[in-house]
Amino acid sequence: MADTTSSADGWRHRHLLDVDTWSADELERSMVLAGSMAASLRERRPREELAGRRVVTFFGEASTRTRLSFELAARSLGADVSHLDAVSSSVVKGESLMDTVRTVGALGTDLLVMRHQRAGAPYLAARHFPGHVVNAGDGCHAHPTQALADLYTLRQRLPRGVQGARVAIVGDIRHSRVARSDVWSLTTAGAEVTLCGPAEWLTGVAEWLTGVAEWTAGVGAGRRVSVTTDLVRAITGADAVMALRVQRERLAGAGPSLAAYSERYRLTPDRLQLAHPDALVMHPGPVNQGMEIDRAVAWGPRSVILDQVANGVPVRMAIMALLVGPGS
């Protein structure tokens, strides 16, 4: 589904459903604006890009970081913010998702931030919502604002920059919406990405990457992505290593035992020595310490995990400002 439109400031996207259709120039513009937003937050300078606008956050799955980040971002831009909790909404009475979306739109909401357990739900909502939809995570499909926060963090902290950097993403790739969106954002920015995990948690990933290759061939932009079950191969010489949360709620017994996974793929201080000496450690959260990553690594001197959390606010401010811009 197309999410493009025209606006007075030249931003062509009406919604943010994923970053797969974003150009390198659009990524750059969002990153520069996020930097401006971060400066305003540091200096406690109020912004008014969303003054008089209504933002509703609708989360069908539990969330702490993402929901709070969006609400802080919207308020920092002067928006009137409300939260619609799925478990206390009319959805539990049998109201359809589309009826809920139409109702929220009829109440004068300008921007809907939506997380849903079903992949594709924000795309469906965007067809019926009169304003702007931001995907805050849909099933195992996409989490675009996290990918943008990850990219922003790497731009901040990698001394050699993102272009040409090697990034290893380790863990439950199959169920990770973060990994899928990170592939788009990081490779568009010129990074080389290696996806690593047990074979059972890579099921379907190769086919998805074939689709990525076919798509990028059509737009003339090659992307460097590889898949491996070999942790040593994945992290040797890497400039950044991201551990993914083991998603117990989605595994349903598929794949290795959690103990076997942790023994083979957990990021430990010894394993991190294989990476570049200045390699960054990342994790989209929440962190299962001792499962996918050791505490000493998660909170060690190379970790930028808290940077990822903090950077979510200015990045989401930038996205909302771009979507709800002049003439929108």
C-alpha atoms as a PDB file:
ATOM      1  CA  MET A   1       0.000   0.000   0.000  1.00  0.00           C
ATOM      2  CA  ALA A   2       1.287   3.444  -0.899  1.00  0.00           C
ATOM      3  CA  ASP A   3       1.848   5.800   2.019  1.00  0.00           C
ATOM      4  CA  THR A   4       2.900   8.780  -0.047  1.00  0.00           C
ATOM      5  CA  THR A   5       1.320  12.187  -0.337  1.00  0.00           C
ATOM      6  CA  SER A   6       2.456  15.704  -1.081  1.00  0.00           C
ATOM      7  CA  SER A   7       2.982  18.402   1.520  1.00  0.00           C
ATOM      8  CA  ALA A   8       4.069  21.992   1.540  1.00  0.00           C
ATOM      9  CA  ASP A   9       7.464  21.135   2.953  1.00  0.00           C
ATOM     10  CA  GLY A  10       8.136  18.430   0.372  1.00  0.00           C
ATOM     11  CA  TRP A  11       7.819  15.381   2.639  1.00  0.00           C
ATOM     12  CA  ARG A  12       6.196  12.698   0.479  1.00  0.00           C
ATOM     13  CA  HIS A  13       5.063  10.207   3.135  1.00  0.00           C
ATOM     14  CA  ARG A  14       1.634  10.507   4.721  1.00  0.00           C
ATOM     15  CA  HIS A  15       2.277   7.666   7.176  1.00  0.00           C
ATOM     16  CA  LEU A  16       5.234   5.843   8.701  1.00  0.00           C
ATOM     17  CA  LEU A  17       4.452   2.154   8.275  1.00  0.00           C
ATOM     18  CA  ASP A  18       8.026   1.011   7.622  1.00  0.00           C
ATOM     19  CA  VAL A  19      11.210   2.519   6.205  1.00  0.00           C
ATOM     20  CA  ASP A  20      11.427   0.209   3.190  1.00  0.00           C
ATOM     21  CA  THR A  21      10.421   2.972   0.757  1.00  0.00           C
ATOM     22  CA  TRP A  22      12.619   5.678   2.266  1.00  0.00           C
ATOM     23  CA  SER A  23      15.505   7.066   0.271  1.00  0.00           C
ATOM     24  CA  ALA A  24      18.928   7.856   1.698  1.00  0.00           C
ATOM     25  CA  ASP A  25      18.074  11.566   1.453  1.00  0.00           C
ATOM     26  CA  GLU A  26      14.894  11.049   3.466  1.00  0.00           C
ATOM     27  CA  LEU A  27      16.799   9.136   6.120  1.00  0.00           C
ATOM     28  CA  GLU A  28      19.324  11.954   6.275  1.00  0.00           C
ATOM     29  CA  ARG A  29      16.609  14.566   6.615  1.00  0.00           C
ATOM     30  CA  SER A  30      14.991  12.690   9.497  1.00  0.00           C
ATOM     31  CA  MET A  31      18.352  12.266  11.232  1.00  0.00           C
ATOM     32  CA  VAL A  32      19.231  15.959  10.927  1.00  0.00           C
ATOM     33  CA  LEU A  33      15.829  16.977  12.262  1.00  0.00           C
ATOM     34  CA  ALA A  34      16.188  14.488  15.130  1.00  0.00           C
ATOM     35  CA  GLY A  35      19.464  16.189  15.998  1.00  0.00           C
ATOM     36  CA  SER A  36      17.664  19.532  16.143  1.00  0.00           C
ATOM     37  CA  MET A  37      14.991  18.013  18.356  1.00  0.00           C
ATOM     38  CA  ALA A  38      17.640  16.564  20.670  1.00  0.00           C
ATOM     39  CA  ALA A  39      19.250  19.993  21.015  1.00  0.00           C
ATOM     40  CA  SER A  40      15.876  21.511  21.932  1.00  0.00           C
ATOM     41  CA  LEU A  41      15.358  18.860  24.594  1.00  0.00           C
ATOM     42  CA  ARG A  42      18.820  19.428  26.074  1.00  0.00           C
ATOM     43  CA  GLU A  43      18.269  23.166  26.181  1.00  0.00           C
ATOM     44  CA  ARG A  44      14.667  22.764  27.344  1.00  0.00           C
ATOM     45  CA  ARG A  45      13.451  24.870  24.438  1.00  0.00           C
ATOM     46  CA  PRO A  46       9.765  24.226  23.711  1.00  0.00           C
ATOM     47  CA  ARG A  47       8.772  23.208  20.187  1.00  0.00           C
ATOM     48  CA  GLU A  48       5.372  23.877  18.667  1.00  0.00           C
ATOM     49  CA  GLU A  49       5.272  21.758  15.514  1.00  0.00           C
ATOM     50  CA  LEU A  50       2.259  19.851  16.885  1.00  0.00           C
ATOM     51  CA  ALA A  51       0.635  22.710  18.805  1.00  0.00           C
ATOM     52  CA  GLY A  52      -3.135  22.368  18.550  1.00  0.00           C
ATOM     53  CA  ARG A  53      -2.851  18.820  17.154  1.00  0.00           C
ATOM     54  CA  ARG A  54      -4.329  15.694  18.705  1.00  0.00           C
ATOM     55  CA  VAL A  55      -2.251  12.528  19.031  1.00  0.00           C
ATOM     56  CA  VAL A  56      -3.676   9.190  20.175  1.00  0.00           C
ATOM     57  CA  THR A  57      -1.505   6.223  21.114  1.00  0.00           C
ATOM     58  CA  PHE A  58      -3.274   2.884  20.621  1.00  0.00           C
ATOM     59  CA  PHE A  59      -1.319  -0.110  21.913  1.00  0.00           C
ATOM     60  CA  GLY A  60      -2.718  -3.608  21.466  1.00  0.00           C
ATOM     61  CA  GLU A  61       0.437  -5.072  23.030  1.00  0.00           C
ATOM     62  CA  ALA A  62       2.193  -4.185  26.252  1.00  0.00           C
ATOM     63  CA  SER A  63       4.877  -1.529  25.932  1.00  0.00           C
ATOM     64  CA  THR A  64       6.891   0.668  28.248  1.00  0.00           C
ATOM     65  CA  ARG A  65       9.709   2.263  26.251  1.00  0.00           C
ATOM     66  CA  THR A  66       7.944   2.845  22.962  1.00  0.00           C
ATOM     67  CA  ARG A  67       4.666   4.136  24.341  1.00  0.00           C
ATOM     68  CA  LEU A  68       6.318   6.469  26.866  1.00  0.00           C
ATOM     69  CA  SER A  69       8.767   7.667  24.222  1.00  0.00           C
ATOM     70  CA  PHE A  70       5.970   8.566  21.799  1.00  0.00           C
ATOM     71  CA  GLU A  71       3.944  10.345  24.467  1.00  0.00           C
ATOM     72  CA  LEU A  72       6.948  12.373  25.646  1.00  0.00           C
ATOM     73  CA  ALA A  73       7.812  13.200  22.037  1.00  0.00           C
ATOM     74  CA  ALA A  74       4.299  14.369  21.174  1.00  0.00           C
ATOM     75  CA  ARG A  75       4.012  16.518  24.298  1.00  0.00           C
ATOM     76  CA  SER A  76       7.439  17.998  23.625  1.00  0.00           C
ATOM     77  CA  LEU A  77       6.038  19.219  20.309  1.00  0.00           C
ATOM     78  CA  GLY A  78       3.005  20.804  21.956  1.00  0.00           C
ATOM     79  CA  ALA A  79       0.442  18.131  21.058  1.00  0.00           C
ATOM     80  CA  ASP A  80      -2.633  17.128  23.039  1.00  0.00           C
ATOM     81  CA  VAL A  81      -1.948  13.436  23.783  1.00  0.00           C
ATOM     82  CA  SER A  82      -4.402  10.683  24.727  1.00  0.00           C
ATOM     83  CA  HIS A  83      -3.875   6.959  25.189  1.00  0.00           C
ATOM     84  CA  LEU A  84      -6.346   4.282  24.105  1.00  0.00           C
ATOM     85  CA  ASP A  85      -5.716   1.030  25.931  1.00  0.00           C
ATOM     86  CA  ALA A  86      -6.956  -1.948  23.917  1.00  0.00           C
ATOM     87  CA  VAL A  87      -7.932  -3.959  27.000  1.00  0.00           C
ATOM     88  CA  SER A  88     -10.229  -1.181  28.235  1.00  0.00           C
ATOM     89  CA  SER A  89     -11.557  -0.103  24.834  1.00  0.00           C
ATOM     90  CA  SER A  90     -14.631  -1.256  22.915  1.00  0.00           C
ATOM     91  CA  VAL A  91     -12.396  -3.770  21.110  1.00  0.00           C
ATOM     92  CA  VAL A  92     -13.006  -6.167  24.000  1.00  0.00           C
ATOM     93  CA  LYS A  93     -16.756  -5.749  23.399  1.00  0.00           C
ATOM     94  CA  GLY A  94     -16.439  -6.933  19.838  1.00  0.00           C
ATOM     95  CA  GLU A  95     -15.777  -3.656  18.050  1.00  0.00           C
ATOM     96  CA  SER A  96     -13.585  -4.183  14.984  1.00  0.00           C
ATOM     97  CA  LEU A  97     -10.207  -2.564  14.616  1.00  0.00           C
ATOM     98  CA  MET A  98     -11.514  -0.535  11.684  1.00  0.00           C
ATOM     99  CA  ASP A  99     -14.481   0.732  13.699  1.00  0.00           C
ATOM    100  CA  THR A 100     -12.087   1.836  16.431  1.00  0.00           C
ATOM    101  CA  VAL A 101      -9.827   3.588  13.929  1.00  0.00           C
ATOM    102  CA  ARG A 102     -12.771   5.373  12.305  1.00  0.00           C
ATOM    103  CA  THR A 103     -14.043   6.457  15.726  1.00  0.00           C
ATOM    104  CA  VAL A 104     -10.658   7.848  16.714  1.00  0.00           C
ATOM    105  CA  GLY A 105     -10.520   9.740  13.422  1.00  0.00           C
ATOM    106  CA  ALA A 106     -14.031  11.121  13.863  1.00  0.00           C
ATOM    107  CA  LEU A 107     -12.975  12.580  17.212  1.00  0.00           C
ATOM    108  CA  GLY A 108     -10.557  14.872  15.398  1.00  0.00           C
ATOM    109  CA  THR A 109      -7.330  12.950  15.952  1.00  0.00           C
ATOM    110  CA  ASP A 110      -4.526  14.147  13.696  1.00  0.00           C
ATOM    111  CA  LEU A 111      -2.018  11.364  14.309  1.00  0.00           C
ATOM    112  CA  LEU A 112      -2.529   7.772  15.434  1.00  0.00           C
ATOM    113  CA  VAL A 113       0.415   5.875  16.929  1.00  0.00           C
ATOM    114  CA  MET A 114      -0.428   2.204  16.737  1.00  0.00           C
ATOM    115  CA  ARG A 115       1.067  -1.054  18.023  1.00  0.00           C
ATOM    116  CA  HIS A 116      -0.709  -4.274  17.183  1.00  0.00           C
ATOM    117  CA  GLN A 117      -0.019  -7.980  17.563  1.00  0.00           C
ATOM    118  CA  ARG A 118      -1.100  -8.654  13.977  1.00  0.00           C
ATOM    119  CA  ALA A 119       1.365  -7.929  11.194  1.00  0.00           C
ATOM    120  CA  GLY A 120      -0.120  -5.472   8.726  1.00  0.00           C
ATOM    121  CA  ALA A 121      -2.684  -3.950  11.099  1.00  0.00           C
ATOM    122  CA  PRO A 122      -1.272  -0.381  10.827  1.00  0.00           C
ATOM    123  CA  TYR A 123      -1.379  -0.685   7.024  1.00  0.00           C
ATOM    124  CA  LEU A 124      -5.071  -1.540   7.220  1.00  0.00           C
ATOM    125  CA  ALA A 125      -5.684   1.287   9.674  1.00  0.00           C
ATOM    126  CA  ALA A 126      -3.979   3.757   7.336  1.00  0.00           C
ATOM    127  CA  ARG A 127      -6.590   3.023   4.672  1.00  0.00           C
ATOM    128  CA  HIS A 128      -9.388   4.199   6.940  1.00  0.00           C
ATOM    129  CA  PHE A 129      -7.817   6.852   9.165  1.00  0.00           C
ATOM    130  CA  PRO A 130      -8.150  10.430   7.891  1.00  0.00           C
ATOM    131  CA  GLY A 131      -4.912  11.638   9.457  1.00  0.00           C
ATOM    132  CA  HIS A 132      -1.458  10.143   9.832  1.00  0.00           C
ATOM    133  CA  VAL A 133      -0.593   6.653  11.127  1.00  0.00           C
ATOM    134  CA  VAL A 134       2.712   5.722  12.743  1.00  0.00           C
ATOM    135  CA  ASN A 135       3.518   2.036  13.125  1.00  0.00           C
ATOM    136  CA  ALA A 136       4.858   1.454  16.642  1.00  0.00           C
ATOM    137  CA  GLY A 137       5.349  -2.251  15.932  1.00  0.00           C
ATOM    138  CA  ASP A 138       3.131  -4.756  14.127  1.00  0.00           C
ATOM    139  CA  GLY A 139       3.486  -8.434  14.914  1.00  0.00           C
ATOM    140  CA  CYS A 140       6.771  -9.799  13.588  1.00  0.00           C
ATOM    141  CA  HIS A 141       6.773  -7.407  10.647  1.00  0.00           C
ATOM    142  CA  ALA A 142       8.163  -3.927  11.325  1.00  0.00           C
ATOM    143  CA  HIS A 143       9.180  -1.396  13.969  1.00  0.00           C
ATOM    144  CA  PRO A 144      10.335   1.607  11.927  1.00  0.00           C
ATOM    145  CA  THR A 145      10.839   4.190  14.673  1.00  0.00           C
ATOM    146  CA  GLN A 146      13.096   1.784  16.590  1.00  0.00           C
ATOM    147  CA  ALA A 147      15.127   1.277  13.436  1.00  0.00           C
ATOM    148  CA  LEU A 148      15.473   5.040  13.070  1.00  0.00           C
ATOM    149  CA  ALA A 149      16.516   5.392  16.715  1.00  0.00           C
ATOM    150  CA  ASP A 150      19.109   2.644  16.175  1.00  0.00           C
ATOM    151  CA  LEU A 151      20.462   4.419  13.116  1.00  0.00           C
ATOM    152  CA  TYR A 152      20.591   7.746  14.945  1.00  0.00           C
ATOM    153  CA  THR A 153      22.507   6.111  17.807  1.00  0.00           C
ATOM    154  CA  LEU A 154      25.051   4.582  15.442  1.00  0.00           C
ATOM    155  CA  ARG A 155      25.515   7.921  13.690  1.00  0.00           C
ATOM    156  CA  GLN A 156      26.219   9.490  17.068  1.00  0.00           C
ATOM    157  CA  ARG A 157      28.569   6.880  18.449  1.00  0.00           C
ATOM    158  CA  LEU A 158      30.422   5.153  15.587  1.00  0.00           C
ATOM    159  CA  PRO A 159      33.712   7.018  15.164  1.00  0.00           C
ATOM    160  CA  ARG A 160      34.028   5.899  11.534  1.00  0.00           C
ATOM    161  CA  GLY A 161      30.395   6.566  10.649  1.00  0.00           C
ATOM    162  CA  VAL A 162      27.635   4.263   9.407  1.00  0.00           C
ATOM    163  CA  GLN A 163      28.722   4.128   5.773  1.00  0.00           C
ATOM    164  CA  GLY A 164      30.696   0.890   5.377  1.00  0.00           C
ATOM    165  CA  ALA A 165      30.156  -0.151   9.021  1.00  0.00           C
ATOM    166  CA  ARG A 166      29.567  -3.827   9.808  1.00  0.00           C
ATOM    167  CA  VAL A 167      26.580  -4.463  12.068  1.00  0.00           C
ATOM    168  CA  ALA A 168      25.755  -7.917  13.465  1.00  0.00           C
ATOM    169  CA  ILE A 169      22.208  -8.584  14.691  1.00  0.00           C
ATOM    170  CA  VAL A 170      22.038 -11.728  16.826  1.00  0.00           C
ATOM    171  CA  GLY A 171      19.088 -13.723  18.107  1.00  0.00           C
ATOM    172  CA  ASP A 172      15.499 -14.523  17.221  1.00  0.00           C
ATOM    173  CA  ILE A 173      15.562 -12.995  13.744  1.00  0.00           C
ATOM    174  CA  ARG A 174      12.425 -14.802  12.619  1.00  0.00           C
ATOM    175  CA  HIS A 175      10.169 -13.026  15.107  1.00  0.00           C
ATOM    176  CA  SER A 176      12.004  -9.698  15.256  1.00  0.00           C
ATOM    177  CA  ARG A 177      10.232  -6.711  13.752  1.00  0.00           C
ATOM    178  CA  VAL A 178      13.197  -4.601  14.850  1.00  0.00           C
ATOM    179  CA  ALA A 179      15.668  -6.656  12.816  1.00  0.00           C
ATOM    180  CA  ARG A 180      13.542  -6.398   9.680  1.00  0.00           C
ATOM    181  CA  SER A 181      13.227  -2.618   9.869  1.00  0.00           C
ATOM    182  CA  ASP A 182      16.905  -2.281  10.850  1.00  0.00           C
ATOM    183  CA  VAL A 183      17.881  -4.100   7.646  1.00  0.00           C
ATOM    184  CA  TRP A 184      16.124  -1.404   5.621  1.00  0.00           C
ATOM    185  CA  SER A 185      17.418   1.631   7.534  1.00  0.00           C
ATOM    186  CA  LEU A 186      20.998   0.441   8.024  1.00  0.00           C
ATOM    187  CA  THR A 187      21.579  -0.785   4.480  1.00  0.00           C
ATOM    188  CA  THR A 188      20.032   2.370   3.023  1.00  0.00           C
ATOM    189  CA  ALA A 189      22.566   4.289   5.125  1.00  0.00           C
ATOM    190  CA  GLY A 190      25.392   2.176   3.658  1.00  0.00           C
ATOM    191  CA  ALA A 191      26.029  -0.337   6.441  1.00  0.00           C
ATOM    192  CA  GLU A 192      26.642  -4.059   5.969  1.00  0.00           C
ATOM    193  CA  VAL A 193      24.299  -6.186   8.083  1.00  0.00           C
ATOM    194  CA  THR A 194      24.778  -9.791   9.224  1.00  0.00           C
ATOM    195  CA  LEU A 195      21.780 -11.603  10.715  1.00  0.00           C
ATOM    196  CA  CYS A 196      22.731 -14.456  13.036  1.00  0.00           C
ATOM    197  CA  GLY A 197      20.825 -17.002  15.063  1.00  0.00           C
ATOM    198  CA  PRO A 198      19.829 -20.659  15.334  1.00  0.00           C
ATOM    199  CA  ALA A 199      18.613 -22.181  12.078  1.00  0.00           C
ATOM    200  CA  GLU A 200      15.096 -22.606  13.476  1.00  0.00           C
ATOM    201  CA  TRP A 201      14.941 -18.855  14.188  1.00  0.00           C
ATOM    202  CA  LEU A 202      16.096 -18.004  10.674  1.00  0.00           C
ATOM    203  CA  THR A 203      13.215 -19.843   8.980  1.00  0.00           C
ATOM    204  CA  GLY A 204      11.748 -17.650   6.267  1.00  0.00           C
ATOM    205  CA  VAL A 205      14.454 -15.000   6.603  1.00  0.00           C
ATOM    206  CA  ALA A 206      16.297 -16.032   3.427  1.00  0.00           C
ATOM    207  CA  GLU A 207      13.054 -15.851   1.461  1.00  0.00           C
ATOM    208  CA  TRP A 208      12.330 -12.415   2.906  1.00  0.00           C
ATOM    209  CA  LEU A 209      15.818 -11.241   1.965  1.00  0.00           C
ATOM    210  CA  THR A 210      15.234 -12.516  -1.564  1.00  0.00           C
ATOM    211  CA  GLY A 211      12.293 -10.151  -1.651  1.00  0.00           C
ATOM    212  CA  VAL A 212      14.539  -7.364  -0.350  1.00  0.00           C
ATOM    213  CA  ALA A 213      17.032  -8.063  -3.145  1.00  0.00           C
ATOM    214  CA  GLU A 214      14.302  -8.053  -5.772  1.00  0.00           C
ATOM    215  CA  TRP A 215      12.873  -4.798  -4.437  1.00  0.00           C
ATOM    216  CA  THR A 216      16.215  -3.031  -4.263  1.00  0.00           C
ATOM    217  CA  ALA A 217      17.155  -4.239  -7.746  1.00  0.00           C
ATOM    218  CA  GLY A 218      14.034  -2.493  -8.964  1.00  0.00           C
ATOM    219  CA  VAL A 219      15.057   0.812  -7.402  1.00  0.00           C
ATOM    220  CA  GLY A 220      18.724   0.449  -8.249  1.00  0.00           C
ATOM    221  CA  ALA A 221      20.186   0.270  -4.744  1.00  0.00           C
ATOM    222  CA  GLY A 222      22.146  -2.787  -3.693  1.00  0.00           C
ATOM    223  CA  ARG A 223      22.110  -3.808  -0.048  1.00  0.00           C
ATOM    224  CA  ARG A 224      24.715  -5.857   1.768  1.00  0.00           C
ATOM    225  CA  VAL A 225      22.915  -8.393   3.973  1.00  0.00           C
ATOM    226  CA  SER A 226      24.008 -11.898   4.938  1.00  0.00           C
ATOM    227  CA  VAL A 227      22.565 -14.645   7.126  1.00  0.00           C
ATOM    228  CA  THR A 228      24.511 -17.147   9.228  1.00  0.00           C
ATOM    229  CA  THR A 229      24.107 -19.517  12.165  1.00  0.00           C
ATOM    230  CA  ASP A 230      27.785 -18.983  13.073  1.00  0.00           C
ATOM    231  CA  LEU A 231      28.141 -16.429  15.862  1.00  0.00           C
ATOM    232  CA  VAL A 232      31.924 -16.207  15.468  1.00  0.00           C
ATOM    233  CA  ARG A 233      31.576 -15.376  11.799  1.00  0.00           C
ATOM    234  CA  ALA A 234      28.860 -12.814  12.507  1.00  0.00           C
ATOM    235  CA  ILE A 235      30.620 -10.769  15.165  1.00  0.00           C
ATOM    236  CA  THR A 236      34.288 -11.043  14.158  1.00  0.00           C
ATOM    237  CA  GLY A 237      35.403  -7.528  13.265  1.00  0.00           C
ATOM    238  CA  ALA A 238      31.907  -6.067  13.657  1.00  0.00           C
ATOM    239  CA  ASP A 239      31.611  -2.364  14.402  1.00  0.00           C
ATOM    240  CA  ALA A 240      28.369  -2.893  16.310  1.00  0.00           C
ATOM    241  CA  VAL A 241      26.673  -5.980  17.746  1.00  0.00           C
ATOM    242  CA  MET A 242      22.972  -5.959  18.552  1.00  0.00           C
ATOM    243  CA  ALA A 243      21.423  -8.666  20.713  1.00  0.00           C
ATOM    244  CA  LEU A 244      17.704  -9.270  20.251  1.00  0.00           C
ATOM    245  CA  ARG A 245      15.286 -10.159  22.998  1.00  0.00           C
ATOM    246  CA  VAL A 246      14.316 -13.816  23.115  1.00  0.00           C
ATOM    247  CA  GLN A 247      10.580 -13.520  22.476  1.00  0.00           C
ATOM    248  CA  ARG A 248       9.204 -16.296  24.659  1.00  0.00           C
ATOM    249  CA  GLU A 249       5.628 -15.240  23.883  1.00  0.00           C
ATOM    250  CA  ARG A 250       6.084 -15.953  20.156  1.00  0.00           C
ATOM    251  CA  LEU A 251       8.246 -19.084  20.248  1.00  0.00           C
ATOM    252  CA  ALA A 252       5.628 -21.675  21.239  1.00  0.00           C
ATOM    253  CA  GLY A 253       8.329 -24.299  21.760  1.00  0.00           C
ATOM    254  CA  ALA A 254       9.916 -23.823  18.323  1.00  0.00           C
ATOM    255  CA  GLY A 255      13.685 -23.782  18.096  1.00  0.00           C
ATOM    256  CA  PRO A 256      16.395 -24.641  20.602  1.00  0.00           C
ATOM    257  CA  SER A 257      15.804 -24.681  24.329  1.00  0.00           C
ATOM    258  CA  LEU A 258      16.415 -21.331  25.977  1.00  0.00           C
ATOM    259  CA  ALA A 259      19.366 -22.811  27.861  1.00  0.00           C
ATOM    260  CA  ALA A 260      20.891 -24.123  24.624  1.00  0.00           C
ATOM    261  CA  TYR A 261      20.377 -20.792  22.899  1.00  0.00           C
ATOM    262  CA  SER A 262      21.943 -18.867  25.749  1.00  0.00           C
ATOM    263  CA  GLU A 263      24.940 -21.193  25.844  1.00  0.00           C
ATOM    264  CA  ARG A 264      25.618 -20.808  22.129  1.00  0.00           C
ATOM    265  CA  TYR A 265      24.600 -17.235  21.286  1.00  0.00           C
ATOM    266  CA  ARG A 266      24.668 -15.121  24.462  1.00  0.00           C
ATOM    267  CA  LEU A 267      26.874 -12.055  24.153  1.00  0.00           C
ATOM    268  CA  THR A 268      29.626 -12.456  26.742  1.00  0.00           C
ATOM    269  CA  PRO A 269      32.760 -10.376  27.373  1.00  0.00           C
ATOM    270  CA  ASP A 270      34.904 -13.096  25.797  1.00  0.00           C
ATOM    271  CA  ARG A 271      32.801 -13.291  22.646  1.00  0.00           C
ATOM    272  CA  LEU A 272      32.702  -9.518  22.324  1.00  0.00           C
ATOM    273  CA  GLN A 273      36.492  -9.556  22.050  1.00  0.00           C
ATOM    274  CA  LEU A 274      36.016 -10.914  18.521  1.00  0.00           C
ATOM    275  CA  ALA A 275      34.400  -7.674  17.425  1.00  0.00           C
ATOM    276  CA  HIS A 276      36.231  -4.468  16.552  1.00  0.00           C
ATOM    277  CA  PRO A 277      38.038  -3.033  19.613  1.00  0.00           C
ATOM    278  CA  ASP A 278      35.672  -0.041  19.596  1.00  0.00           C
ATOM    279  CA  ALA A 279      32.550  -2.060  18.776  1.00  0.00           C
ATOM    280  CA  LEU A 280      29.254  -0.821  20.172  1.00  0.00           C
ATOM    281  CA  VAL A 281      26.785  -3.076  21.992  1.00  0.00           C
ATOM    282  CA  MET A 282      23.099  -2.568  21.258  1.00  0.00           C
ATOM    283  CA  HIS A 283      19.753  -4.045  22.299  1.00  0.00           C
ATOM    284  CA  PRO A 284      16.244  -2.770  21.451  1.00  0.00           C
ATOM    285  CA  GLY A 285      14.932  -3.824  24.889  1.00  0.00           C
ATOM    286  CA  PRO A 286      13.610  -5.030  27.141  1.00  0.00           C
ATOM    287  CA  VAL A 287      16.805  -6.863  28.038  1.00  0.00           C
ATOM    288  CA  ASN A 288      16.760 -10.445  29.352  1.00  0.00           C
ATOM    289  CA  GLN A 289      20.052 -10.278  31.219  1.00  0.00           C
ATOM    290  CA  GLY A 290      21.848 -13.596  31.298  1.00  0.00           C
ATOM    291  CA  MET A 291      19.720 -14.942  28.460  1.00  0.00           C
ATOM    292  CA  GLU A 292      20.768 -13.117  25.278  1.00  0.00           C
ATOM    293  CA  ILE A 293      23.406 -10.887  26.838  1.00  0.00           C
ATOM    294  CA  ASP A 294      25.540 -10.843  29.973  1.00  0.00           C
ATOM    295  CA  ARG A 295      24.980  -8.035  32.450  1.00  0.00           C
ATOM    296  CA  ALA A 296      28.665  -7.049  32.134  1.00  0.00           C
ATOM    297  CA  VAL A 297      28.159  -6.547  28.400  1.00  0.00           C
ATOM    298  CA  ALA A 298      24.726  -4.928  28.561  1.00  0.00           C
ATOM    299  CA  TRP A 299      25.890  -2.253  30.957  1.00  0.00           C
ATOM    300  CA  GLY A 300      29.595  -2.195  30.104  1.00  0.00           C
ATOM    301  CA  PRO A 301      31.596   0.677  28.591  1.00  0.00           C
ATOM    302  CA  ARG A 302      30.748  -0.298  25.006  1.00  0.00           C
ATOM    303  CA  SER A 303      26.999  -0.407  25.589  1.00  0.00           C
ATOM    304  CA  VAL A 304      24.771   2.217  23.939  1.00  0.00           C
ATOM    305  CA  ILE A 305      21.518   0.582  25.057  1.00  0.00           C
ATOM    306  CA  LEU A 306      20.444   3.565  27.154  1.00  0.00           C
ATOM    307  CA  ASP A 307      21.386   5.854  24.257  1.00  0.00           C
ATOM    308  CA  GLN A 308      18.939   3.916  22.095  1.00  0.00           C
ATOM    309  CA  VAL A 309      16.215   4.519  24.665  1.00  0.00           C
ATOM    310  CA  ALA A 310      16.983   8.225  25.059  1.00  0.00           C
ATOM    311  CA  ASN A 311      17.312   8.787  21.318  1.00  0.00           C
ATOM    312  CA  GLY A 312      13.839   7.389  20.754  1.00  0.00           C
ATOM    313  CA  VAL A 313      12.303  10.669  21.928  1.00  0.00           C
ATOM    314  CA  PRO A 314      13.980  13.126  19.496  1.00  0.00           C
ATOM    315  CA  VAL A 315      13.704  10.624  16.647  1.00  0.00           C
ATOM    316  CA  ARG A 316       9.963  10.212  17.213  1.00  0.00           C
ATOM    317  CA  MET A 317       9.617  13.974  17.543  1.00  0.00           C
ATOM    318  CA  ALA A 318      11.246  14.317  14.137  1.00  0.00           C
ATOM    319  CA  ILE A 319       8.960  11.725  12.546  1.00  0.00           C
ATOM    320  CA  MET A 320       5.776  13.305  13.864  1.00  0.00           C
ATOM    321  CA  ALA A 321       6.915  16.762  12.827  1.00  0.00           C
ATOM    322  CA  LEU A 322       7.681  15.537   9.316  1.00  0.00           C
ATOM    323  CA  LEU A 323       4.314  13.815   8.956  1.00  0.00           C
ATOM    324  CA  VAL A 324       2.195  16.563  10.507  1.00  0.00           C
ATOM    325  CA  GLY A 325       4.027  19.333   8.682  1.00  0.00           C
ATOM    326  CA  PRO A 326       2.888  22.515   6.943  1.00  0.00           C
ATOM    327  CA  GLY A 327      -0.004  21.854   4.646  1.00  0.00           C
ATOM    328  CA  SER A 328      -0.734  18.378   6.067  1.00  0.00           C
END
